[in-house]
Amino acid sequence: MKTNEGGIDRILRIVAGLALIGLTLNGNIGVWGWVGVVPLATGALGWCPLYTLLGINSCPMKKS
């Protein structure tokens, strides 16, 4: 698994995932808030399977 998410992308995914899970635990939104586990996991891993399928890579190129 190669990293295909850049730093900002990863931070936004983690924040969105935590926000959805927090709102679910707080009772503000229903059980659909548990979908926040997906962006949280992809942000933590730095790899998104959908990005791989679509050929998207937001990770900056590494300098040699």
Protein backbone atom coordinates (compact mmCIF):
# COMPACT_ATOMS: atom_id res chain seq x y z
CA MET A 1 0.00 0.00 0.00
CA LYS A 2 1.53 3.25 -1.14
CA THR A 3 0.45 6.47 0.51
CA ASN A 4 -1.90 8.37 -1.78
CA GLU A 5 -3.12 11.10 0.58
CA GLY A 6 -1.33 14.35 1.32
CA GLY A 7 -1.00 15.93 4.75
CA ILE A 8 -3.96 18.31 4.52
CA ASP A 9 -6.15 15.57 3.06
CA ARG A 10 -5.27 13.26 5.94
CA ILE A 11 -5.92 15.93 8.59
CA LEU A 12 -9.32 16.80 7.09
CA ARG A 13 -10.33 13.13 6.97
CA ILE A 14 -9.33 12.54 10.59
CA VAL A 15 -11.14 15.66 11.80
CA ALA A 16 -14.29 14.82 9.81
CA GLY A 17 -14.26 11.23 11.04
CA LEU A 18 -13.83 12.24 14.67
CA ALA A 19 -16.57 14.87 14.32
CA LEU A 20 -19.06 12.35 12.89
CA ILE A 21 -18.26 9.77 15.57
CA GLY A 22 -18.48 12.44 18.28
CA LEU A 23 -21.87 13.64 17.03
CA THR A 24 -23.11 10.06 16.99
CA LEU A 25 -21.94 9.38 20.53
CA ASN A 26 -23.51 12.65 21.64
CA GLY A 27 -26.85 11.64 20.16
CA ASN A 28 -27.05 14.54 17.71
CA ILE A 29 -27.13 12.33 14.62
CA GLY A 30 -28.25 8.75 14.18
CA VAL A 31 -26.29 5.60 13.57
CA TRP A 32 -25.22 6.84 10.13
CA GLY A 33 -22.61 8.90 11.93
CA TRP A 34 -20.60 5.72 12.39
CA VAL A 35 -19.65 6.10 8.74
CA GLY A 36 -17.05 8.47 10.22
CA VAL A 37 -14.94 5.40 10.91
CA VAL A 38 -14.12 5.24 7.18
CA PRO A 39 -12.52 8.70 6.80
CA LEU A 40 -10.85 8.26 10.18
CA ALA A 41 -9.27 4.97 9.12
CA THR A 42 -8.23 6.19 5.67
CA GLY A 43 -6.75 9.35 7.16
CA ALA A 44 -4.83 7.39 9.78
CA LEU A 45 -3.48 4.94 7.19
CA GLY A 46 -2.78 7.58 4.53
CA TRP A 47 -4.27 5.33 1.87
CA CYS A 48 -7.68 5.55 0.26
CA PRO A 49 -8.90 2.63 -1.87
CA LEU A 50 -11.21 4.91 -3.87
CA TYR A 51 -8.27 7.16 -4.75
CA THR A 52 -6.46 4.06 -6.02
CA LEU A 53 -9.40 3.08 -8.24
CA LEU A 54 -9.76 6.59 -9.64
CA GLY A 55 -6.01 7.15 -10.03
CA ILE A 56 -5.96 10.14 -7.67
CA ASN A 57 -2.92 10.96 -5.57
CA SER A 58 -2.89 14.03 -3.30
CA CYS A 59 0.45 13.09 -1.75
CA PRO A 60 3.21 15.51 -2.76
CA MET A 61 6.14 14.10 -4.69
CA LYS A 62 9.19 13.33 -2.60
CA LYS A 63 12.41 15.11 -3.52
CA SER A 64 15.43 12.92 -4.15
